[in-house]
Structures are given as structure tokens and as C-alpha cells.
Amino acid sequence: MGLALLQAVSIGSGFVALVVVVVVVVSVLGSGVKVIKEYERGVIFRLGRVQGGPKGPGLFLLFPLVDSMVKIDLRTITMDVPPRTS
């Protein structure tokens, strides 16, 4: 039934394969977009080696499977220290 419907609409299997390939490429490129907030910095590693210094804030495009980024938070963390009794 599904093949008859494709033939009736005159959509070839080549077109369906092209749509699948385009969806996969767009999803891979979309996974490479990273946003660094104002209080963060990102260190980009390409195949395990550092690329320049810390980057940010802003929008960065990474190459999937080649680049990775580690986000570093610059905010100061405060914690209550209980008083020492002795």
C-alpha cells in the first residue's frame, strides 16, 4: 500500500533518500552549535589539543566528532562555613 501511494504521488525513492540525507546533515550541523553565556568561558579542544585560549561569551560552531568544548563558570560560589566549637 505504501509503495503504491508513493508511485501515485510520483515521489521516487531517490527523493526520499535525499530528504533523509538532508535531515541527517542538518541535525549533525545543529549539534555543533554552542552558546556560551556571559558568565562562562569555553575551552575548545580539537582532537584533544587546545585551540587558542578561553573563548566567550557568544555563539560558536564546532565540528562534530572532531571538536569538543568544556564550559568554565566564572561566578564566585559562596558557602556557609559552620563555626568551629572546641
PDB file of N, CA and C in Angstrom:
ATOM      1  N   MET A   1       0.832  -1.191   0.000  1.00  0.00           N
ATOM      2  CA  MET A   1       0.000   0.000   0.000  1.00  0.00           C
ATOM      3  C   MET A   1       0.876   1.255   0.000  1.00  0.00           C
ATOM      4  N   GLY A   2       1.955   1.261   0.811  1.00  0.00           N
ATOM      5  CA  GLY A   2       2.817   2.432   0.913  1.00  0.00           C
ATOM      6  C   GLY A   2       3.552   2.710  -0.384  1.00  0.00           C
ATOM      7  N   LEU A   3       4.013   1.652  -1.072  1.00  0.00           N
ATOM      8  CA  LEU A   3       4.706   1.819  -2.340  1.00  0.00           C
ATOM      9  C   LEU A   3       3.750   2.318  -3.404  1.00  0.00           C
ATOM     10  N   ALA A   4       2.531   1.829  -3.394  1.00  0.00           N
ATOM     11  CA  ALA A   4       1.533   2.290  -4.364  1.00  0.00           C
ATOM     12  C   ALA A   4       1.225   3.766  -4.139  1.00  0.00           C
ATOM     13  N   LEU A   5       1.209   4.181  -2.893  1.00  0.00           N
ATOM     14  CA  LEU A   5       0.949   5.583  -2.589  1.00  0.00           C
ATOM     15  C   LEU A   5       2.086   6.460  -3.089  1.00  0.00           C
ATOM     16  N   LEU A   6       3.334   6.003  -2.909  1.00  0.00           N
ATOM     17  CA  LEU A   6       4.479   6.766  -3.412  1.00  0.00           C
ATOM     18  C   LEU A   6       4.451   6.869  -4.930  1.00  0.00           C
ATOM     19  N   GLN A   7       4.079   5.801  -5.599  1.00  0.00           N
ATOM     20  CA  GLN A   7       4.006   5.831  -7.056  1.00  0.00           C
ATOM     21  C   GLN A   7       2.856   6.709  -7.517  1.00  0.00           C
ATOM     22  N   ALA A   8       1.759   6.726  -6.775  1.00  0.00           N
ATOM     23  CA  ALA A   8       0.616   7.542  -7.148  1.00  0.00           C
ATOM     24  C   ALA A   8       0.950   9.022  -7.007  1.00  0.00           C
ATOM     25  N   VAL A   9       1.741   9.370  -6.017  1.00  0.00           N
ATOM     26  CA  VAL A   9       2.111  10.761  -5.814  1.00  0.00           C
ATOM     27  C   VAL A   9       3.319  11.110  -6.678  1.00  0.00           C
ATOM     28  N   SER A  10       3.921  10.138  -7.251  1.00  0.00           N
ATOM     29  CA  SER A  10       5.097  10.247  -8.129  1.00  0.00           C
ATOM     30  C   SER A  10       6.325  10.755  -7.370  1.00  0.00           C
ATOM     31  N   ILE A  11       6.482  10.286  -6.144  1.00  0.00           N
ATOM     32  CA  ILE A  11       7.695  10.569  -5.375  1.00  0.00           C
ATOM     33  C   ILE A  11       8.579   9.343  -5.482  1.00  0.00           C
ATOM     34  N   GLY A  12       9.758   9.518  -6.026  1.00  0.00           N
ATOM     35  CA  GLY A  12      10.659   8.403  -6.198  1.00  0.00           C
ATOM     36  C   GLY A  12      11.433   8.097  -4.929  1.00  0.00           C
ATOM     37  N   SER A  13      12.031   6.929  -4.906  1.00  0.00           N
ATOM     38  CA  SER A  13      12.822   6.548  -3.740  1.00  0.00           C
ATOM     39  C   SER A  13      14.089   7.404  -3.633  1.00  0.00           C
ATOM     40  N   GLY A  14      14.548   7.939  -4.745  1.00  0.00           N
ATOM     41  CA  GLY A  14      15.710   8.828  -4.722  1.00  0.00           C
ATOM     42  C   GLY A  14      15.412  10.113  -3.979  1.00  0.00           C
ATOM     43  N   PHE A  15      14.207  10.632  -4.159  1.00  0.00           N
ATOM     44  CA  PHE A  15      13.807  11.851  -3.450  1.00  0.00           C
ATOM     45  C   PHE A  15      13.704  11.598  -1.955  1.00  0.00           C
ATOM     46  N   VAL A  16      13.151  10.456  -1.587  1.00  0.00           N
ATOM     47  CA  VAL A  16      13.030  10.104  -0.168  1.00  0.00           C
ATOM     48  C   VAL A  16      14.415   9.965   0.456  1.00  0.00           C
ATOM     49  N   ALA A  17      15.350   9.341  -0.269  1.00  0.00           N
ATOM     50  CA  ALA A  17      16.718   9.198   0.231  1.00  0.00           C
ATOM     51  C   ALA A  17      17.389  10.559   0.381  1.00  0.00           C
ATOM     52  N   LEU A  18      17.134  11.464  -0.558  1.00  0.00           N
ATOM     53  CA  LEU A  18      17.701  12.812  -0.483  1.00  0.00           C
ATOM     54  C   LEU A  18      17.176  13.561   0.738  1.00  0.00           C
ATOM     55  N   VAL A  19      15.896  13.428   1.022  1.00  0.00           N
ATOM     56  CA  VAL A  19      15.311  14.088   2.194  1.00  0.00           C
ATOM     57  C   VAL A  19      15.929  13.537   3.473  1.00  0.00           C
ATOM     58  N   VAL A  20      16.133  12.228   3.539  1.00  0.00           N
ATOM     59  CA  VAL A  20      16.736  11.609   4.729  1.00  0.00           C
ATOM     60  C   VAL A  20      18.160  12.119   4.926  1.00  0.00           C
ATOM     61  N   VAL A  21      18.931  12.201   3.855  1.00  0.00           N
ATOM     62  CA  VAL A  21      20.311  12.684   3.936  1.00  0.00           C
ATOM     63  C   VAL A  21      20.339  14.142   4.394  1.00  0.00           C
ATOM     64  N   VAL A  22      19.447  14.970   3.872  1.00  0.00           N
ATOM     65  CA  VAL A  22      19.401  16.382   4.261  1.00  0.00           C
ATOM     66  C   VAL A  22      19.048  16.516   5.740  1.00  0.00           C
ATOM     67  N   VAL A  23      18.100  15.732   6.233  1.00  0.00           N
ATOM     68  CA  VAL A  23      17.713  15.789   7.642  1.00  0.00           C
ATOM     69  C   VAL A  23      18.882  15.377   8.532  1.00  0.00           C
ATOM     70  N   VAL A  24      19.628  14.347   8.154  1.00  0.00           N
ATOM     71  CA  VAL A  24      20.771  13.900   8.946  1.00  0.00           C
ATOM     72  C   VAL A  24      21.864  14.971   8.971  1.00  0.00           C
ATOM     73  N   VAL A  25      22.165  15.582   7.829  1.00  0.00           N
ATOM     74  CA  VAL A  25      23.205  16.612   7.763  1.00  0.00           C
ATOM     75  C   VAL A  25      22.819  17.828   8.603  1.00  0.00           C
ATOM     76  N   VAL A  26      21.560  18.243   8.525  1.00  0.00           N
ATOM     77  CA  VAL A  26      21.114  19.402   9.304  1.00  0.00           C
ATOM     78  C   VAL A  26      21.176  19.108  10.806  1.00  0.00           C
ATOM     79  N   SER A  27      20.830  17.897  11.207  1.00  0.00           N
ATOM     80  CA  SER A  27      20.881  17.562  12.634  1.00  0.00           C
ATOM     81  C   SER A  27      22.322  17.500  13.143  1.00  0.00           C
ATOM     82  N   VAL A  28      23.251  17.002  12.330  1.00  0.00           N
ATOM     83  CA  VAL A  28      24.661  16.957  12.744  1.00  0.00           C
ATOM     84  C   VAL A  28      25.223  18.365  12.859  1.00  0.00           C
ATOM     85  N   LEU A  29      24.907  19.237  11.899  1.00  0.00           N
ATOM     86  CA  LEU A  29      25.393  20.617  11.981  1.00  0.00           C
ATOM     87  C   LEU A  29      24.752  21.360  13.147  1.00  0.00           C
ATOM     88  N   GLY A  30      23.504  21.070  13.434  1.00  0.00           N
ATOM     89  CA  GLY A  30      22.827  21.703  14.564  1.00  0.00           C
ATOM     90  C   GLY A  30      23.424  21.302  15.893  1.00  0.00           C
ATOM     91  N   SER A  31      23.963  20.097  15.974  1.00  0.00           N
ATOM     92  CA  SER A  31      24.573  19.658  17.231  1.00  0.00           C
ATOM     93  C   SER A  31      25.923  20.324  17.470  1.00  0.00           C
ATOM     94  N   GLY A  32      26.491  20.954  16.459  1.00  0.00           N
ATOM     95  CA  GLY A  32      27.781  21.616  16.599  1.00  0.00           C
ATOM     96  C   GLY A  32      27.689  23.069  17.020  1.00  0.00           C
ATOM     97  N   VAL A  33      26.468  23.598  17.184  1.00  0.00           N
ATOM     98  CA  VAL A  33      26.295  24.997  17.587  1.00  0.00           C
ATOM     99  C   VAL A  33      26.243  25.060  19.105  1.00  0.00           C
ATOM    100  N   LYS A  34      27.117  25.856  19.700  1.00  0.00           N
ATOM    101  CA  LYS A  34      27.181  26.003  21.156  1.00  0.00           C
ATOM    102  C   LYS A  34      27.073  27.472  21.523  1.00  0.00           C
ATOM    103  N   VAL A  35      26.384  27.759  22.625  1.00  0.00           N
ATOM    104  CA  VAL A  35      26.226  29.124  23.119  1.00  0.00           C
ATOM    105  C   VAL A  35      26.889  29.218  24.484  1.00  0.00           C
ATOM    106  N   ILE A  36      27.756  30.222  24.639  1.00  0.00           N
ATOM    107  CA  ILE A  36      28.436  30.471  25.910  1.00  0.00           C
ATOM    108  C   ILE A  36      27.803  31.715  26.527  1.00  0.00           C
ATOM    109  N   LYS A  37      27.356  31.597  27.760  1.00  0.00           N
ATOM    110  CA  LYS A  37      26.710  32.716  28.441  1.00  0.00           C
ATOM    111  C   LYS A  37      27.740  33.737  28.890  1.00  0.00           C
ATOM    112  N   GLU A  38      27.234  34.868  29.356  1.00  0.00           N
ATOM    113  CA  GLU A  38      28.100  35.990  29.697  1.00  0.00           C
ATOM    114  C   GLU A  38      29.063  35.668  30.838  1.00  0.00           C
ATOM    115  N   TYR A  39      28.662  34.816  31.740  1.00  0.00           N
ATOM    116  CA  TYR A  39      29.497  34.494  32.900  1.00  0.00           C
ATOM    117  C   TYR A  39      30.262  33.186  32.712  1.00  0.00           C
ATOM    118  N   GLU A  40      30.344  32.694  31.496  1.00  0.00           N
ATOM    119  CA  GLU A  40      31.066  31.445  31.216  1.00  0.00           C
ATOM    120  C   GLU A  40      32.148  31.686  30.172  1.00  0.00           C
ATOM    121  N   ARG A  41      33.081  30.794  30.130  1.00  0.00           N
ATOM    122  CA  ARG A  41      34.081  30.759  29.066  1.00  0.00           C
ATOM    123  C   ARG A  41      34.156  29.322  28.578  1.00  0.00           C
ATOM    124  N   GLY A  42      34.547  29.148  27.339  1.00  0.00           N
ATOM    125  CA  GLY A  42      34.649  27.813  26.775  1.00  0.00           C
ATOM    126  C   GLY A  42      36.059  27.541  26.289  1.00  0.00           C
ATOM    127  N   VAL A  43      36.554  26.376  26.574  1.00  0.00           N
ATOM    128  CA  VAL A  43      37.856  25.946  26.070  1.00  0.00           C
ATOM    129  C   VAL A  43      37.582  24.884  25.017  1.00  0.00           C
ATOM    130  N   ILE A  44      38.039  25.135  23.793  1.00  0.00           N
ATOM    131  CA  ILE A  44      37.759  24.247  22.674  1.00  0.00           C
ATOM    132  C   ILE A  44      38.942  23.319  22.456  1.00  0.00           C
ATOM    133  N   PHE A  45      38.651  22.040  22.374  1.00  0.00           N
ATOM    134  CA  PHE A  45      39.661  21.018  22.096  1.00  0.00           C
ATOM    135  C   PHE A  45      39.387  20.428  20.724  1.00  0.00           C
ATOM    136  N   ARG A  46      40.402  20.379  19.887  1.00  0.00           N
ATOM    137  CA  ARG A  46      40.296  19.720  18.590  1.00  0.00           C
ATOM    138  C   ARG A  46      41.211  18.507  18.615  1.00  0.00           C
ATOM    139  N   LEU A  47      40.590  17.338  18.604  1.00  0.00           N
ATOM    140  CA  LEU A  47      41.300  16.060  18.688  1.00  0.00           C
ATOM    141  C   LEU A  47      42.197  16.014  19.924  1.00  0.00           C
ATOM    142  N   GLY A  48      41.728  16.591  21.032  1.00  0.00           N
ATOM    143  CA  GLY A  48      42.441  16.525  22.296  1.00  0.00           C
ATOM    144  C   GLY A  48      43.424  17.637  22.553  1.00  0.00           C
ATOM    145  N   ARG A  49      43.619  18.526  21.589  1.00  0.00           N
ATOM    146  CA  ARG A  49      44.559  19.637  21.780  1.00  0.00           C
ATOM    147  C   ARG A  49      43.805  20.949  21.883  1.00  0.00           C
ATOM    148  N   VAL A  50      44.279  21.833  22.747  1.00  0.00           N
ATOM    149  CA  VAL A  50      43.615  23.116  22.981  1.00  0.00           C
ATOM    150  C   VAL A  50      43.770  24.003  21.750  1.00  0.00           C
ATOM    151  N   GLN A  51      42.675  24.635  21.337  1.00  0.00           N
ATOM    152  CA  GLN A  51      42.682  25.578  20.217  1.00  0.00           C
ATOM    153  C   GLN A  51      42.626  26.997  20.776  1.00  0.00           C
ATOM    154  N   GLY A  52      43.778  27.663  20.904  1.00  0.00           N
ATOM    155  CA  GLY A  52      43.822  29.019  21.436  1.00  0.00           C
ATOM    156  C   GLY A  52      43.540  29.039  22.924  1.00  0.00           C
ATOM    157  N   GLY A  53      43.055  30.168  23.383  1.00  0.00           N
ATOM    158  CA  GLY A  53      42.735  30.328  24.799  1.00  0.00           C
ATOM    159  C   GLY A  53      41.245  30.188  25.039  1.00  0.00           C
ATOM    160  N   PRO A  54      40.794  30.615  26.208  1.00  0.00           N
ATOM    161  CA  PRO A  54      39.362  30.546  26.502  1.00  0.00           C
ATOM    162  C   PRO A  54      38.564  31.469  25.583  1.00  0.00           C
ATOM    163  N   LYS A  55      37.424  30.997  25.143  1.00  0.00           N
ATOM    164  CA  LYS A  55      36.561  31.750  24.231  1.00  0.00           C
ATOM    165  C   LYS A  55      35.278  32.124  24.941  1.00  0.00           C
ATOM    166  N   GLY A  56      34.702  33.232  24.531  1.00  0.00           N
ATOM    167  CA  GLY A  56      33.366  33.530  25.004  1.00  0.00           C
ATOM    168  C   GLY A  56      33.231  34.951  25.455  1.00  0.00           C
ATOM    169  N   PRO A  57      32.077  35.377  25.758  1.00  0.00           N
ATOM    170  CA  PRO A  57      30.783  34.736  25.526  1.00  0.00           C
ATOM    171  C   PRO A  57      30.360  34.876  24.068  1.00  0.00           C
ATOM    172  N   GLY A  58      29.396  34.072  23.663  1.00  0.00           N
ATOM    173  CA  GLY A  58      28.902  34.162  22.302  1.00  0.00           C
ATOM    174  C   GLY A  58      28.481  32.831  21.733  1.00  0.00           C
ATOM    175  N   LEU A  59      28.364  32.804  20.408  1.00  0.00           N
ATOM    176  CA  LEU A  59      27.911  31.638  19.653  1.00  0.00           C
ATOM    177  C   LEU A  59      29.114  31.032  18.934  1.00  0.00           C
ATOM    178  N   PHE A  60      29.284  29.709  19.053  1.00  0.00           N
ATOM    179  CA  PHE A  60      30.419  29.032  18.438  1.00  0.00           C
ATOM    180  C   PHE A  60      29.947  27.842  17.632  1.00  0.00           C
ATOM    181  N   LEU A  61      30.614  27.600  16.526  1.00  0.00           N
ATOM    182  CA  LEU A  61      30.321  26.452  15.685  1.00  0.00           C
ATOM    183  C   LEU A  61      31.473  25.461  15.806  1.00  0.00           C
ATOM    184  N   LEU A  62      31.170  24.268  16.295  1.00  0.00           N
ATOM    185  CA  LEU A  62      32.163  23.216  16.459  1.00  0.00           C
ATOM    186  C   LEU A  62      31.955  22.165  15.390  1.00  0.00           C
ATOM    187  N   PHE A  63      33.026  21.517  14.989  1.00  0.00           N
ATOM    188  CA  PHE A  63      32.923  20.411  14.046  1.00  0.00           C
ATOM    189  C   PHE A  63      32.587  19.143  14.825  1.00  0.00           C
ATOM    190  N   PRO A  64      31.421  18.557  14.584  1.00  0.00           N
ATOM    191  CA  PRO A  64      31.048  17.356  15.334  1.00  0.00           C
ATOM    192  C   PRO A  64      32.064  16.231  15.127  1.00  0.00           C
ATOM    193  N   LEU A  65      32.298  15.460  16.150  1.00  0.00           N
ATOM    194  CA  LEU A  65      33.221  14.322  16.183  1.00  0.00           C
ATOM    195  C   LEU A  65      34.688  14.729  16.147  1.00  0.00           C
ATOM    196  N   VAL A  66      35.001  16.013  15.954  1.00  0.00           N
ATOM    197  CA  VAL A  66      36.386  16.476  15.925  1.00  0.00           C
ATOM    198  C   VAL A  66      36.645  17.421  17.094  1.00  0.00           C
ATOM    199  N   ASP A  67      35.702  18.345  17.336  1.00  0.00           N
ATOM    200  CA  ASP A  67      35.855  19.344  18.385  1.00  0.00           C
ATOM    201  C   ASP A  67      35.019  18.980  19.599  1.00  0.00           C
ATOM    202  N   SER A  68      35.507  19.395  20.754  1.00  0.00           N
ATOM    203  CA  SER A  68      34.725  19.311  21.985  1.00  0.00           C
ATOM    204  C   SER A  68      34.996  20.588  22.777  1.00  0.00           C
ATOM    205  N   MET A  69      34.041  20.967  23.614  1.00  0.00           N
ATOM    206  CA  MET A  69      34.191  22.193  24.393  1.00  0.00           C
ATOM    207  C   MET A  69      33.874  21.912  25.853  1.00  0.00           C
ATOM    208  N   VAL A  70      34.674  22.496  26.722  1.00  0.00           N
ATOM    209  CA  VAL A  70      34.442  22.431  28.159  1.00  0.00           C
ATOM    210  C   VAL A  70      34.077  23.836  28.613  1.00  0.00           C
ATOM    211  N   LYS A  71      32.903  23.963  29.247  1.00  0.00           N
ATOM    212  CA  LYS A  71      32.463  25.263  29.747  1.00  0.00           C
ATOM    213  C   LYS A  71      32.990  25.461  31.164  1.00  0.00           C
ATOM    214  N   ILE A  72      33.486  26.676  31.424  1.00  0.00           N
ATOM    215  CA  ILE A  72      34.020  27.023  32.731  1.00  0.00           C
ATOM    216  C   ILE A  72      33.197  28.181  33.278  1.00  0.00           C
ATOM    217  N   ASP A  73      32.681  28.012  34.487  1.00  0.00           N
ATOM    218  CA  ASP A  73      31.849  29.021  35.125  1.00  0.00           C
ATOM    219  C   ASP A  73      32.738  29.987  35.900  1.00  0.00           C
ATOM    220  N   LEU A  74      32.572  31.284  35.669  1.00  0.00           N
ATOM    221  CA  LEU A  74      33.407  32.290  36.332  1.00  0.00           C
ATOM    222  C   LEU A  74      32.764  32.877  37.574  1.00  0.00           C
ATOM    223  N   ARG A  75      31.541  32.458  37.885  1.00  0.00           N
ATOM    224  CA  ARG A  75      30.857  33.010  39.052  1.00  0.00           C
ATOM    225  C   ARG A  75      31.520  32.514  40.342  1.00  0.00           C
ATOM    226  N   THR A  76      31.501  33.362  41.351  1.00  0.00           N
ATOM    227  CA  THR A  76      32.039  33.009  42.655  1.00  0.00           C
ATOM    228  C   THR A  76      30.997  32.229  43.433  1.00  0.00           C
ATOM    229  N   ILE A  77      31.376  31.093  43.964  1.00  0.00           N
ATOM    230  CA  ILE A  77      30.464  30.268  44.740  1.00  0.00           C
ATOM    231  C   ILE A  77      30.728  30.530  46.214  1.00  0.00           C
ATOM    232  N   THR A  78      29.689  30.945  46.929  1.00  0.00           N
ATOM    233  CA  THR A  78      29.832  31.197  48.367  1.00  0.00           C
ATOM    234  C   THR A  78      29.142  30.081  49.135  1.00  0.00           C
ATOM    235  N   MET A  79      29.768  29.676  50.220  1.00  0.00           N
ATOM    236  CA  MET A  79      29.207  28.621  51.056  1.00  0.00           C
ATOM    237  C   MET A  79      29.309  29.050  52.516  1.00  0.00           C
ATOM    238  N   ASP A  80      28.317  28.694  53.296  1.00  0.00           N
ATOM    239  CA  ASP A  80      28.360  28.985  54.709  1.00  0.00           C
ATOM    240  C   ASP A  80      29.301  27.989  55.390  1.00  0.00           C
ATOM    241  N   VAL A  81      30.199  28.532  56.206  1.00  0.00           N
ATOM    242  CA  VAL A  81      31.112  27.673  56.960  1.00  0.00           C
ATOM    243  C   VAL A  81      30.633  27.667  58.402  1.00  0.00           C
ATOM    244  N   PRO A  82      30.308  26.486  58.923  1.00  0.00           N
ATOM    245  CA  PRO A  82      29.808  26.453  60.301  1.00  0.00           C
ATOM    246  C   PRO A  82      30.918  26.853  61.273  1.00  0.00           C
ATOM    247  N   PRO A  83      30.537  27.520  62.379  1.00  0.00           N
ATOM    248  CA  PRO A  83      31.562  27.939  63.352  1.00  0.00           C
ATOM    249  C   PRO A  83      32.195  26.733  64.021  1.00  0.00           C
ATOM    250  N   ARG A  84      33.443  26.873  64.327  1.00  0.00           N
ATOM    251  CA  ARG A  84      34.180  25.777  64.947  1.00  0.00           C
ATOM    252  C   ARG A  84      34.035  25.877  66.453  1.00  0.00           C
ATOM    253  N   THR A  85      33.609  24.815  67.068  1.00  0.00           N
ATOM    254  CA  THR A  85      33.439  24.808  68.531  1.00  0.00           C
ATOM    255  C   THR A  85      34.433  23.830  69.131  1.00  0.00           C
ATOM    256  N   SER A  86      35.316  24.342  69.944  1.00  0.00           N
ATOM    257  CA  SER A  86      36.254  23.459  70.644  1.00  0.00           C
ATOM    258  C   SER A  86      36.753  24.072  71.913  1.00  0.00           C
TER     259      SER A  86
END
